[in-house]
PDB file of N, CA and C in Angstrom:
ATOM      1  N   MET A   1      46.845 -28.356  22.726  1.00  0.00           N
ATOM      2  CA  MET A   1      47.812 -27.447  22.119  1.00  0.00           C
ATOM      3  C   MET A   1      47.410 -27.127  20.677  1.00  0.00           C
ATOM      4  N   ILE A   2      46.837 -28.084  19.983  1.00  0.00           N
ATOM      5  CA  ILE A   2      46.479 -27.867  18.584  1.00  0.00           C
ATOM      6  C   ILE A   2      45.263 -26.944  18.481  1.00  0.00           C
ATOM      7  N   VAL A   3      44.284 -27.163  19.337  1.00  0.00           N
ATOM      8  CA  VAL A   3      43.050 -26.369  19.243  1.00  0.00           C
ATOM      9  C   VAL A   3      43.317 -24.876  19.450  1.00  0.00           C
ATOM     10  N   PRO A   4      44.092 -24.486  20.459  1.00  0.00           N
ATOM     11  CA  PRO A   4      44.353 -23.033  20.601  1.00  0.00           C
ATOM     12  C   PRO A   4      45.089 -22.440  19.398  1.00  0.00           C
ATOM     13  N   ILE A   5      46.031 -23.192  18.847  1.00  0.00           N
ATOM     14  CA  ILE A   5      46.749 -22.677  17.669  1.00  0.00           C
ATOM     15  C   ILE A   5      45.789 -22.528  16.495  1.00  0.00           C
ATOM     16  N   VAL A   6      44.908 -23.517  16.341  1.00  0.00           N
ATOM     17  CA  VAL A   6      43.922 -23.437  15.257  1.00  0.00           C
ATOM     18  C   VAL A   6      43.006 -22.231  15.463  1.00  0.00           C
ATOM     19  N   VAL A   7      42.601 -21.994  16.721  1.00  0.00           N
ATOM     20  CA  VAL A   7      41.738 -20.838  16.999  1.00  0.00           C
ATOM     21  C   VAL A   7      42.452 -19.542  16.610  1.00  0.00           C
ATOM     22  N   LEU A   8      43.722 -19.409  17.015  1.00  0.00           N
ATOM     23  CA  LEU A   8      44.473 -18.187  16.699  1.00  0.00           C
ATOM     24  C   LEU A   8      44.651 -18.020  15.185  1.00  0.00           C
ATOM     25  N   LEU A   9      44.995 -19.129  14.510  1.00  0.00           N
ATOM     26  CA  LEU A   9      45.197 -19.040  13.066  1.00  0.00           C
ATOM     27  C   LEU A   9      43.893 -18.772  12.323  1.00  0.00           C
ATOM     28  N   MET A  10      42.789 -19.323  12.809  1.00  0.00           N
ATOM     29  CA  MET A  10      41.495 -19.076  12.151  1.00  0.00           C
ATOM     30  C   MET A  10      41.073 -17.610  12.316  1.00  0.00           C
ATOM     31  N   LEU A  11      41.364 -17.034  13.482  1.00  0.00           N
ATOM     32  CA  LEU A  11      41.034 -15.620  13.679  1.00  0.00           C
ATOM     33  C   LEU A  11      41.894 -14.749  12.760  1.00  0.00           C
ATOM     34  N   GLN A  12      43.164 -15.121  12.619  1.00  0.00           N
ATOM     35  CA  GLN A  12      44.013 -14.358  11.703  1.00  0.00           C
ATOM     36  C   GLN A  12      43.547 -14.534  10.261  1.00  0.00           C
ATOM     37  N   LEU A  13      43.168 -15.758   9.909  1.00  0.00           N
ATOM     38  CA  LEU A  13      42.655 -16.004   8.557  1.00  0.00           C
ATOM     39  C   LEU A  13      41.378 -15.204   8.308  1.00  0.00           C
ATOM     40  N   ALA A  14      40.491 -15.170   9.287  1.00  0.00           N
ATOM     41  CA  ALA A  14      39.256 -14.381   9.139  1.00  0.00           C
ATOM     42  C   ALA A  14      39.591 -12.905   8.939  1.00  0.00           C
ATOM     43  N   GLY A  15      40.595 -12.427   9.658  1.00  0.00           N
ATOM     44  CA  GLY A  15      41.021 -11.041   9.489  1.00  0.00           C
ATOM     45  C   GLY A  15      41.585 -10.791   8.102  1.00  0.00           C
ATOM     46  N   GLU A  16      42.394 -11.734   7.612  1.00  0.00           N
ATOM     47  CA  GLU A  16      42.956 -11.586   6.261  1.00  0.00           C
ATOM     48  C   GLU A  16      41.856 -11.599   5.205  1.00  0.00           C
ATOM     49  N   VAL A  17      40.906 -12.515   5.360  1.00  0.00           N
ATOM     50  CA  VAL A  17      39.809 -12.608   4.395  1.00  0.00           C
ATOM     51  C   VAL A  17      38.986 -11.319   4.416  1.00  0.00           C
ATOM     52  N   ALA A  18      38.710 -10.806   5.617  1.00  0.00           N
ATOM     53  CA  ALA A  18      37.932  -9.569   5.720  1.00  0.00           C
ATOM     54  C   ALA A  18      38.687  -8.393   5.104  1.00  0.00           C
ATOM     55  N   ALA A  19      39.993  -8.306   5.386  1.00  0.00           N
ATOM     56  CA  ALA A  19      40.781  -7.183   4.871  1.00  0.00           C
ATOM     57  C   ALA A  19      40.862  -7.214   3.356  1.00  0.00           C
ATOM     58  N   ARG A  20      41.096  -8.395   2.802  1.00  0.00           N
ATOM     59  CA  ARG A  20      41.230  -8.499   1.341  1.00  0.00           C
ATOM     60  C   ARG A  20      39.879  -8.484   0.646  1.00  0.00           C
ATOM     61  N   GLY A  21      38.898  -9.169   1.244  1.00  0.00           N
ATOM     62  CA  GLY A  21      37.577  -9.246   0.628  1.00  0.00           C
ATOM     63  C   GLY A  21      36.851  -7.919   0.612  1.00  0.00           C
ATOM     64  N   LEU A  22      37.020  -7.152   1.671  1.00  0.00           N
ATOM     65  CA  LEU A  22      36.337  -5.860   1.774  1.00  0.00           C
ATOM     66  C   LEU A  22      37.234  -4.702   1.362  1.00  0.00           C
ATOM     67  N   ASP A  23      38.486  -5.033   0.937  1.00  0.00           N
ATOM     68  CA  ASP A  23      39.451  -4.024   0.510  1.00  0.00           C
ATOM     69  C   ASP A  23      39.640  -2.961   1.595  1.00  0.00           C
ATOM     70  N   LEU A  24      39.853  -3.444   2.814  1.00  0.00           N
ATOM     71  CA  LEU A  24      40.023  -2.532   3.955  1.00  0.00           C
ATOM     72  C   LEU A  24      41.472  -2.055   4.026  1.00  0.00           C
ATOM     73  N   PRO A  25      41.690  -0.839   4.486  1.00  0.00           N
ATOM     74  CA  PRO A  25      43.062  -0.347   4.593  1.00  0.00           C
ATOM     75  C   PRO A  25      43.782  -0.824   5.852  1.00  0.00           C
ATOM     76  N   VAL A  26      43.176  -1.734   6.591  1.00  0.00           N
ATOM     77  CA  VAL A  26      43.752  -2.247   7.836  1.00  0.00           C
ATOM     78  C   VAL A  26      44.326  -3.638   7.559  1.00  0.00           C
ATOM     79  N   PRO A  27      45.525  -3.942   8.066  1.00  0.00           N
ATOM     80  CA  PRO A  27      46.094  -5.273   7.845  1.00  0.00           C
ATOM     81  C   PRO A  27      45.224  -6.369   8.469  1.00  0.00           C
ATOM     82  N   GLY A  28      45.215  -7.519   7.830  1.00  0.00           N
ATOM     83  CA  GLY A  28      44.411  -8.637   8.291  1.00  0.00           C
ATOM     84  C   GLY A  28      44.727  -9.082   9.716  1.00  0.00           C
ATOM     85  N   PRO A  29      46.004  -9.173  10.104  1.00  0.00           N
ATOM     86  CA  PRO A  29      46.301  -9.575  11.482  1.00  0.00           C
ATOM     87  C   PRO A  29      45.730  -8.605  12.518  1.00  0.00           C
ATOM     88  N   VAL A  30      45.647  -7.339  12.188  1.00  0.00           N
ATOM     89  CA  VAL A  30      45.057  -6.377  13.133  1.00  0.00           C
ATOM     90  C   VAL A  30      43.567  -6.665  13.295  1.00  0.00           C
ATOM     91  N   ILE A  31      42.907  -6.956  12.179  1.00  0.00           N
ATOM     92  CA  ILE A  31      41.484  -7.323  12.258  1.00  0.00           C
ATOM     93  C   ILE A  31      41.337  -8.626  13.033  1.00  0.00           C
ATOM     94  N   GLY A  32      42.265  -9.560  12.824  1.00  0.00           N
ATOM     95  CA  GLY A  32      42.248 -10.810  13.578  1.00  0.00           C
ATOM     96  C   GLY A  32      42.387 -10.570  15.076  1.00  0.00           C
ATOM     97  N   LEU A  33      43.234  -9.621  15.458  1.00  0.00           N
ATOM     98  CA  LEU A  33      43.371  -9.290  16.879  1.00  0.00           C
ATOM     99  C   LEU A  33      42.088  -8.689  17.435  1.00  0.00           C
ATOM    100  N   VAL A  34      41.423  -7.862  16.641  1.00  0.00           N
ATOM    101  CA  VAL A  34      40.139  -7.298  17.091  1.00  0.00           C
ATOM    102  C   VAL A  34      39.111  -8.419  17.246  1.00  0.00           C
ATOM    103  N   LEU A  35      39.109  -9.356  16.296  1.00  0.00           N
ATOM    104  CA  LEU A  35      38.204 -10.502  16.408  1.00  0.00           C
ATOM    105  C   LEU A  35      38.525 -11.328  17.650  1.00  0.00           C
ATOM    106  N   LEU A  36      39.821 -11.490  17.952  1.00  0.00           N
ATOM    107  CA  LEU A  36      40.211 -12.203  19.169  1.00  0.00           C
ATOM    108  C   LEU A  36      39.710 -11.475  20.408  1.00  0.00           C
ATOM    109  N   LEU A  37      39.832 -10.154  20.408  1.00  0.00           N
ATOM    110  CA  LEU A  37      39.357  -9.358  21.549  1.00  0.00           C
ATOM    111  C   LEU A  37      37.843  -9.520  21.722  1.00  0.00           C
ATOM    112  N   VAL A  38      37.128  -9.490  20.607  1.00  0.00           N
ATOM    113  CA  VAL A  38      35.667  -9.669  20.671  1.00  0.00           C
ATOM    114  C   VAL A  38      35.328 -11.072  21.165  1.00  0.00           C
ATOM    115  N   ALA A  39      36.059 -12.066  20.650  1.00  0.00           N
ATOM    116  CA  ALA A  39      35.805 -13.447  21.076  1.00  0.00           C
ATOM    117  C   ALA A  39      36.076 -13.624  22.565  1.00  0.00           C
ATOM    118  N   LEU A  40      37.147 -12.981  23.059  1.00  0.00           N
ATOM    119  CA  LEU A  40      37.456 -13.086  24.493  1.00  0.00           C
ATOM    120  C   LEU A  40      36.409 -12.364  25.337  1.00  0.00           C
ATOM    121  N   ALA A  41      35.869 -11.261  24.814  1.00  0.00           N
ATOM    122  CA  ALA A  41      34.829 -10.545  25.554  1.00  0.00           C
ATOM    123  C   ALA A  41      33.524 -11.346  25.591  1.00  0.00           C
ATOM    124  N   LEU A  42      33.220 -12.030  24.487  1.00  0.00           N
ATOM    125  CA  LEU A  42      31.976 -12.797  24.428  1.00  0.00           C
ATOM    126  C   LEU A  42      32.086 -14.135  25.145  1.00  0.00           C
ATOM    127  N   ARG A  43      33.288 -14.699  25.149  1.00  0.00           N
ATOM    128  CA  ARG A  43      33.469 -16.008  25.781  1.00  0.00           C
ATOM    129  C   ARG A  43      34.741 -15.975  26.636  1.00  0.00           C
ATOM    130  N   PRO A  44      34.637 -15.539  27.894  1.00  0.00           N
ATOM    131  CA  PRO A  44      35.829 -15.416  28.754  1.00  0.00           C
ATOM    132  C   PRO A  44      36.566 -16.731  28.987  1.00  0.00           C
ATOM    133  N   SER A  45      35.879 -17.852  28.864  1.00  0.00           N
ATOM    134  CA  SER A  45      36.563 -19.138  29.082  1.00  0.00           C
ATOM    135  C   SER A  45      37.584 -19.431  27.986  1.00  0.00           C
ATOM    136  N   LEU A  46      37.516 -18.723  26.888  1.00  0.00           N
ATOM    137  CA  LEU A  46      38.489 -18.888  25.807  1.00  0.00           C
ATOM    138  C   LEU A  46      39.895 -18.501  26.268  1.00  0.00           C
ATOM    139  N   GLU A  47      39.963 -17.594  27.237  1.00  0.00           N
ATOM    140  CA  GLU A  47      41.266 -17.165  27.750  1.00  0.00           C
ATOM    141  C   GLU A  47      42.022 -18.338  28.364  1.00  0.00           C
ATOM    142  N   ASP A  48      41.324 -19.173  29.116  1.00  0.00           N
ATOM    143  CA  ASP A  48      41.977 -20.334  29.722  1.00  0.00           C
ATOM    144  C   ASP A  48      42.480 -21.307  28.671  1.00  0.00           C
ATOM    145  N   LEU A  49      41.762 -21.415  27.580  1.00  0.00           N
ATOM    146  CA  LEU A  49      42.180 -22.313  26.498  1.00  0.00           C
ATOM    147  C   LEU A  49      43.421 -21.781  25.787  1.00  0.00           C
ATOM    148  N   LEU A  50      43.465 -20.452  25.565  1.00  0.00           N
ATOM    149  CA  LEU A  50      44.542 -19.857  24.775  1.00  0.00           C
ATOM    150  C   LEU A  50      45.795 -19.547  25.585  1.00  0.00           C
ATOM    151  N   ARG A  51      45.656 -19.398  26.904  1.00  0.00           N
ATOM    152  CA  ARG A  51      46.769 -18.925  27.732  1.00  0.00           C
ATOM    153  C   ARG A  51      48.052 -19.753  27.582  1.00  0.00           C
ATOM    154  N   PRO A  52      48.016 -21.090  27.630  1.00  0.00           N
ATOM    155  CA  PRO A  52      49.288 -21.826  27.511  1.00  0.00           C
ATOM    156  C   PRO A  52      50.022 -21.563  26.192  1.00  0.00           C
ATOM    157  N   VAL A  53      49.288 -21.504  25.100  1.00  0.00           N
ATOM    158  CA  VAL A  53      49.929 -21.290  23.793  1.00  0.00           C
ATOM    159  C   VAL A  53      50.434 -19.859  23.669  1.00  0.00           C
ATOM    160  N   THR A  54      49.616 -18.915  24.078  1.00  0.00           N
ATOM    161  CA  THR A  54      50.042 -17.522  23.927  1.00  0.00           C
ATOM    162  C   THR A  54      51.213 -17.201  24.854  1.00  0.00           C
ATOM    163  N   SER A  55      51.232 -17.793  26.039  1.00  0.00           N
ATOM    164  CA  SER A  55      52.365 -17.570  26.942  1.00  0.00           C
ATOM    165  C   SER A  55      53.646 -18.142  26.353  1.00  0.00           C
ATOM    166  N   THR A  56      53.537 -19.306  25.746  1.00  0.00           N
ATOM    167  CA  THR A  56      54.716 -19.913  25.116  1.00  0.00           C
ATOM    168  C   THR A  56      55.198 -19.064  23.940  1.00  0.00           C
ATOM    169  N   LEU A  57      54.254 -18.603  23.124  1.00  0.00           N
ATOM    170  CA  LEU A  57      54.639 -17.765  21.978  1.00  0.00           C
ATOM    171  C   LEU A  57      55.312 -16.475  22.436  1.00  0.00           C
ATOM    172  N   LEU A  58      54.734 -15.828  23.430  1.00  0.00           N
ATOM    173  CA  LEU A  58      55.324 -14.578  23.909  1.00  0.00           C
ATOM    174  C   LEU A  58      56.666 -14.817  24.599  1.00  0.00           C
ATOM    175  N   GLY A  59      56.796 -15.947  25.287  1.00  0.00           N
ATOM    176  CA  GLY A  59      58.059 -16.263  25.962  1.00  0.00           C
ATOM    177  C   GLY A  59      59.198 -16.511  24.996  1.00  0.00           C
ATOM    178  N   ASN A  60      58.876 -16.984  23.789  1.00  0.00           N
ATOM    179  CA  ASN A  60      59.912 -17.283  22.797  1.00  0.00           C
ATOM    180  C   ASN A  60      59.910 -16.297  21.646  1.00  0.00           C
ATOM    181  N   LEU A  61      59.336 -15.141  21.863  1.00  0.00           N
ATOM    182  CA  LEU A  61      59.234 -14.143  20.796  1.00  0.00           C
ATOM    183  C   LEU A  61      60.601 -13.698  20.286  1.00  0.00           C
ATOM    184  N   SER A  62      61.595 -13.707  21.182  1.00  0.00           N
ATOM    185  CA  SER A  62      62.929 -13.251  20.760  1.00  0.00           C
ATOM    186  C   SER A  62      63.526 -14.178  19.701  1.00  0.00           C
ATOM    187  N   LEU A  63      63.079 -15.424  19.629  1.00  0.00           N
ATOM    188  CA  LEU A  63      63.602 -16.335  18.607  1.00  0.00           C
ATOM    189  C   LEU A  63      63.276 -15.867  17.201  1.00  0.00           C
ATOM    190  N   LEU A  64      62.202 -15.087  17.067  1.00  0.00           N
ATOM    191  CA  LEU A  64      61.834 -14.600  15.748  1.00  0.00           C
ATOM    192  C   LEU A  64      62.837 -13.586  15.214  1.00  0.00           C
ATOM    193  N   PHE A  65      63.652 -13.032  16.109  1.00  0.00           N
ATOM    194  CA  PHE A  65      64.626 -12.034  15.686  1.00  0.00           C
ATOM    195  C   PHE A  65      65.985 -12.662  15.380  1.00  0.00           C
ATOM    196  N   VAL A  66      66.140 -13.941  15.621  1.00  0.00           N
ATOM    197  CA  VAL A  66      67.408 -14.613  15.373  1.00  0.00           C
ATOM    198  C   VAL A  66      67.815 -14.553  13.903  1.00  0.00           C
ATOM    199  N   PRO A  67      66.914 -14.820  12.953  1.00  0.00           N
ATOM    200  CA  PRO A  67      67.354 -14.764  11.542  1.00  0.00           C
ATOM    201  C   PRO A  67      67.962 -13.420  11.149  1.00  0.00           C
ATOM    202  N   ALA A  68      67.435 -12.328  11.652  1.00  0.00           N
ATOM    203  CA  ALA A  68      68.020 -11.024  11.318  1.00  0.00           C
ATOM    204  C   ALA A  68      69.429 -10.916  11.883  1.00  0.00           C
ATOM    205  N   GLY A  69      69.626 -11.382  13.092  1.00  0.00           N
ATOM    206  CA  GLY A  69      70.958 -11.346  13.697  1.00  0.00           C
ATOM    207  C   GLY A  69      71.938 -12.232  12.953  1.00  0.00           C
ATOM    208  N   VAL A  70      71.481 -13.400  12.540  1.00  0.00           N
ATOM    209  CA  VAL A  70      72.344 -14.307  11.772  1.00  0.00           C
ATOM    210  C   VAL A  70      72.698 -13.674  10.432  1.00  0.00           C
ATOM    211  N   GLY A  71      71.766 -12.989   9.823  1.00  0.00           N
ATOM    212  CA  GLY A  71      72.041 -12.315   8.555  1.00  0.00           C
ATOM    213  C   GLY A  71      73.104 -11.252   8.707  1.00  0.00           C
ATOM    214  N   ILE A  72      73.068 -10.518   9.794  1.00  0.00           N
ATOM    215  CA  ILE A  72      74.080  -9.482  10.033  1.00  0.00           C
ATOM    216  C   ILE A  72      75.442 -10.126  10.238  1.00  0.00           C
ATOM    217  N   VAL A  73      75.485 -11.202  11.020  1.00  0.00           N
ATOM    218  CA  VAL A  73      76.754 -11.881  11.267  1.00  0.00           C
ATOM    219  C   VAL A  73      77.296 -12.470   9.965  1.00  0.00           C
ATOM    220  N   GLY A  74      76.419 -12.933   9.094  1.00  0.00           N
ATOM    221  CA  GLY A  74      76.849 -13.497   7.817  1.00  0.00           C
ATOM    222  C   GLY A  74      77.470 -12.476   6.884  1.00  0.00           C
ATOM    223  N   HIS A  75      77.224 -11.196   7.119  1.00  0.00           N
ATOM    224  CA  HIS A  75      77.760 -10.139   6.258  1.00  0.00           C
ATOM    225  C   HIS A  75      78.701  -9.209   7.030  1.00  0.00           C
ATOM    226  N   LEU A  76      79.421  -9.761   7.987  1.00  0.00           N
ATOM    227  CA  LEU A  76      80.339  -8.925   8.767  1.00  0.00           C
ATOM    228  C   LEU A  76      81.443  -8.319   7.903  1.00  0.00           C
ATOM    229  N   ASP A  77      81.913  -9.051   6.908  1.00  0.00           N
ATOM    230  CA  ASP A  77      82.951  -8.493   6.028  1.00  0.00           C
ATOM    231  C   ASP A  77      82.444  -7.245   5.304  1.00  0.00           C
ATOM    232  N   THR A  78      81.222  -7.302   4.808  1.00  0.00           N
ATOM    233  CA  THR A  78      80.629  -6.143   4.135  1.00  0.00           C
ATOM    234  C   THR A  78      80.481  -4.987   5.116  1.00  0.00           C
ATOM    235  N   LEU A  79      80.078  -5.308   6.344  1.00  0.00           N
ATOM    236  CA  LEU A  79      79.930  -4.244   7.346  1.00  0.00           C
ATOM    237  C   LEU A  79      81.273  -3.604   7.682  1.00  0.00           C
ATOM    238  N   ARG A  80      82.340  -4.425   7.760  1.00  0.00           N
ATOM    239  CA  ARG A  80      83.662  -3.864   8.044  1.00  0.00           C
ATOM    240  C   ARG A  80      84.134  -2.947   6.916  1.00  0.00           C
ATOM    241  N   GLU A  81      83.897  -3.365   5.675  1.00  0.00           N
ATOM    242  CA  GLU A  81      84.381  -2.606   4.515  1.00  0.00           C
ATOM    243  C   GLU A  81      83.560  -1.346   4.259  1.00  0.00           C
ATOM    244  N   SER A  82      82.248  -1.445   4.434  1.00  0.00           N
ATOM    245  CA  SER A  82      81.375  -0.333   4.047  1.00  0.00           C
ATOM    246  C   SER A  82      80.443   0.096   5.166  1.00  0.00           C
ATOM    247  N   GLY A  83      80.817  -0.169   6.417  1.00  0.00           N
ATOM    248  CA  GLY A  83      79.932   0.130   7.537  1.00  0.00           C
ATOM    249  C   GLY A  83      79.573   1.597   7.661  1.00  0.00           C
ATOM    250  N   VAL A  84      80.565   2.476   7.527  1.00  0.00           N
ATOM    251  CA  VAL A  84      80.301   3.914   7.661  1.00  0.00           C
ATOM    252  C   VAL A  84      79.367   4.391   6.551  1.00  0.00           C
ATOM    253  N   ALA A  85      79.618   3.915   5.332  1.00  0.00           N
ATOM    254  CA  ALA A  85      78.756   4.305   4.208  1.00  0.00           C
ATOM    255  C   ALA A  85      77.336   3.784   4.419  1.00  0.00           C
ATOM    256  N   LEU A  86      77.215   2.553   4.914  1.00  0.00           N
ATOM    257  CA  LEU A  86      75.886   1.992   5.150  1.00  0.00           C
ATOM    258  C   LEU A  86      75.122   2.782   6.214  1.00  0.00           C
ATOM    259  N   VAL A  87      75.810   3.168   7.284  1.00  0.00           N
ATOM    260  CA  VAL A  87      75.157   3.962   8.333  1.00  0.00           C
ATOM    261  C   VAL A  87      74.713   5.316   7.773  1.00  0.00           C
ATOM    262  N   GLY A  88      75.573   5.937   6.956  1.00  0.00           N
ATOM    263  CA  GLY A  88      75.207   7.212   6.340  1.00  0.00           C
ATOM    264  C   GLY A  88      74.002   7.071   5.417  1.00  0.00           C
ATOM    265  N   ILE A  89      73.980   5.988   4.650  1.00  0.00           N
ATOM    266  CA  ILE A  89      72.840   5.759   3.749  1.00  0.00           C
ATOM    267  C   ILE A  89      71.569   5.513   4.542  1.00  0.00           C
ATOM    268  N   ILE A  90      71.684   4.766   5.633  1.00  0.00           N
ATOM    269  CA  ILE A  90      70.497   4.488   6.465  1.00  0.00           C
ATOM    270  C   ILE A  90      69.959   5.780   7.062  1.00  0.00           C
ATOM    271  N   ILE A  91      70.847   6.623   7.556  1.00  0.00           N
ATOM    272  CA  ILE A  91      70.403   7.893   8.144  1.00  0.00           C
ATOM    273  C   ILE A  91      69.780   8.797   7.077  1.00  0.00           C
ATOM    274  N   ALA A  92      70.440   8.909   5.921  1.00  0.00           N
ATOM    275  CA  ALA A  92      69.911   9.768   4.850  1.00  0.00           C
ATOM    276  C   ALA A  92      68.569   9.249   4.340  1.00  0.00           C
ATOM    277  N   SER A  93      68.464   7.936   4.148  1.00  0.00           N
ATOM    278  CA  SER A  93      67.198   7.393   3.632  1.00  0.00           C
ATOM    279  C   SER A  93      66.084   7.518   4.664  1.00  0.00           C
ATOM    280  N   THR A  94      66.422   7.436   5.950  1.00  0.00           N
ATOM    281  CA  THR A  94      65.405   7.620   6.989  1.00  0.00           C
ATOM    282  C   THR A  94      64.882   9.046   6.972  1.00  0.00           C
ATOM    283  N   ILE A  95      65.797  10.010   6.848  1.00  0.00           N
ATOM    284  CA  ILE A  95      65.380  11.415   6.800  1.00  0.00           C
ATOM    285  C   ILE A  95      64.528  11.675   5.551  1.00  0.00           C
ATOM    286  N   LEU A  96      64.953  11.144   4.400  1.00  0.00           N
ATOM    287  CA  LEU A  96      64.173  11.323   3.172  1.00  0.00           C
ATOM    288  C   LEU A  96      62.797  10.674   3.288  1.00  0.00           C
ATOM    289  N   ALA A  97      62.725   9.505   3.905  1.00  0.00           N
ATOM    290  CA  ALA A  97      61.430   8.840   4.070  1.00  0.00           C
ATOM    291  C   ALA A  97      60.501   9.649   4.979  1.00  0.00           C
ATOM    292  N   LEU A  98      61.060  10.224   6.050  1.00  0.00           N
ATOM    293  CA  LEU A  98      60.250  11.064   6.938  1.00  0.00           C
ATOM    294  C   LEU A  98      59.750  12.306   6.205  1.00  0.00           C
ATOM    295  N   LEU A  99      60.628  12.939   5.411  1.00  0.00           N
ATOM    296  CA  LEU A  99      60.211  14.125   4.659  1.00  0.00           C
ATOM    297  C   LEU A  99      59.157  13.765   3.622  1.00  0.00           C
ATOM    298  N   ALA A 100      59.343  12.642   2.917  1.00  0.00           N
ATOM    299  CA  ALA A 100      58.356  12.218   1.918  1.00  0.00           C
ATOM    300  C   ALA A 100      57.018  11.931   2.578  1.00  0.00           C
ATOM    301  N   GLY A 101      57.040  11.301   3.742  1.00  0.00           N
ATOM    302  CA  GLY A 101      55.795  11.025   4.454  1.00  0.00           C
ATOM    303  C   GLY A 101      55.095  12.299   4.889  1.00  0.00           C
ATOM    304  N   ALA A 102      55.864  13.258   5.387  1.00  0.00           N
ATOM    305  CA  ALA A 102      55.276  14.526   5.824  1.00  0.00           C
ATOM    306  C   ALA A 102      54.710  15.300   4.645  1.00  0.00           C
ATOM    307  N   TRP A 103      55.452  15.351   3.539  1.00  0.00           N
ATOM    308  CA  TRP A 103      54.957  16.067   2.349  1.00  0.00           C
ATOM    309  C   TRP A 103      53.721  15.375   1.778  1.00  0.00           C
ATOM    310  N   THR A 104      53.722  14.064   1.765  1.00  0.00           N
ATOM    311  CA  THR A 104      52.553  13.324   1.274  1.00  0.00           C
ATOM    312  C   THR A 104      51.343  13.597   2.151  1.00  0.00           C
ATOM    313  N   PHE A 105      51.543  13.580   3.455  1.00  0.00           N
ATOM    314  CA  PHE A 105      50.434  13.852   4.376  1.00  0.00           C
ATOM    315  C   PHE A 105      49.890  15.259   4.143  1.00  0.00           C
ATOM    316  N   ALA A 106      50.778  16.234   3.983  1.00  0.00           N
ATOM    317  CA  ALA A 106      50.327  17.613   3.749  1.00  0.00           C
ATOM    318  C   ALA A 106      49.575  17.724   2.426  1.00  0.00           C
ATOM    319  N   ALA A 107      50.071  17.036   1.383  1.00  0.00           N
ATOM    320  CA  ALA A 107      49.399  17.093   0.076  1.00  0.00           C
ATOM    321  C   ALA A 107      48.025  16.439   0.147  1.00  0.00           C
ATOM    322  N   ILE A 108      47.915  15.307   0.810  1.00  0.00           N
ATOM    323  CA  ILE A 108      46.621  14.638   0.930  1.00  0.00           C
ATOM    324  C   ILE A 108      45.663  15.481   1.759  1.00  0.00           C
ATOM    325  N   ALA A 109      46.166  16.104   2.806  1.00  0.00           N
ATOM    326  CA  ALA A 109      45.311  16.968   3.627  1.00  0.00           C
ATOM    327  C   ALA A 109      44.807  18.150   2.802  1.00  0.00           C
ATOM    328  N   ARG A 110      45.670  18.690   1.921  1.00  0.00           N
ATOM    329  CA  ARG A 110      45.274  19.809   1.078  1.00  0.00           C
ATOM    330  C   ARG A 110      44.225  19.364   0.052  1.00  0.00           C
ATOM    331  N   VAL A 111      44.398  18.166  -0.545  1.00  0.00           N
ATOM    332  CA  VAL A 111      43.472  17.662  -1.560  1.00  0.00           C
ATOM    333  C   VAL A 111      42.121  17.303  -0.949  1.00  0.00           C
ATOM    334  N   THR A 112      42.150  16.700   0.226  1.00  0.00           N
ATOM    335  CA  THR A 112      40.895  16.265   0.849  1.00  0.00           C
ATOM    336  C   THR A 112      40.206  17.382   1.609  1.00  0.00           C
ATOM    337  N   GLY A 113      40.838  18.534   1.702  1.00  0.00           N
ATOM    338  CA  GLY A 113      40.210  19.660   2.377  1.00  0.00           C
ATOM    339  C   GLY A 113      40.364  19.636   3.878  1.00  0.00           C
ATOM    340  N   GLY A 114      41.298  18.819   4.354  1.00  0.00           N
ATOM    341  CA  GLY A 114      41.546  18.758   5.792  1.00  0.00           C
ATOM    342  C   GLY A 114      42.238  20.019   6.270  1.00  0.00           C
ATOM    343  N   GLU A 115      42.453  20.075   7.542  1.00  0.00           N
ATOM    344  CA  GLU A 115      43.129  21.235   8.109  1.00  0.00           C
ATOM    345  C   GLU A 115      44.565  21.272   7.641  1.00  0.00           C
ATOM    346  N   ASP A 116      45.100  22.445   7.451  1.00  0.00           N
ATOM    347  CA  ASP A 116      46.479  22.610   7.044  1.00  0.00           C
ATOM    348  C   ASP A 116      47.372  22.229   8.217  1.00  0.00           C
ATOM    349  N   PRO A 117      48.249  21.206   8.043  1.00  0.00           N
ATOM    350  CA  PRO A 117      49.075  20.757   9.153  1.00  0.00           C
ATOM    351  C   PRO A 117      50.188  21.726   9.520  1.00  0.00           C
ATOM    352  N   THR A 118      50.436  22.756   8.695  1.00  0.00           N
ATOM    353  CA  THR A 118      51.539  23.666   9.003  1.00  0.00           C
ATOM    354  C   THR A 118      51.087  24.831   9.833  1.00  0.00           C
TER     355      THR A 118
END
């Protein structure tokens, strides 16, 4: 059980080191997943070693969402008092974030000489 966890954590660490060391725009865990894919392709027997741990992790993945649910339950009074305002703010901020992302993408495309997205 320890060896598979160490293998997974070392691949993630290698991804983090590569992302930060090479100043890559890709998150380290994504690079770690690519390294895991390469390792599984080069050594198929690694799958048998990792399967029990990865199955357990995936089976209990919902536990990672418990803290968020507990946080919401801990602030039920705030939700009762200001729930409508909070929903309105969430919707407005989501729309503003989408517009900012679209405008930023268009500006970067214009600066870099890419095709006009409009």
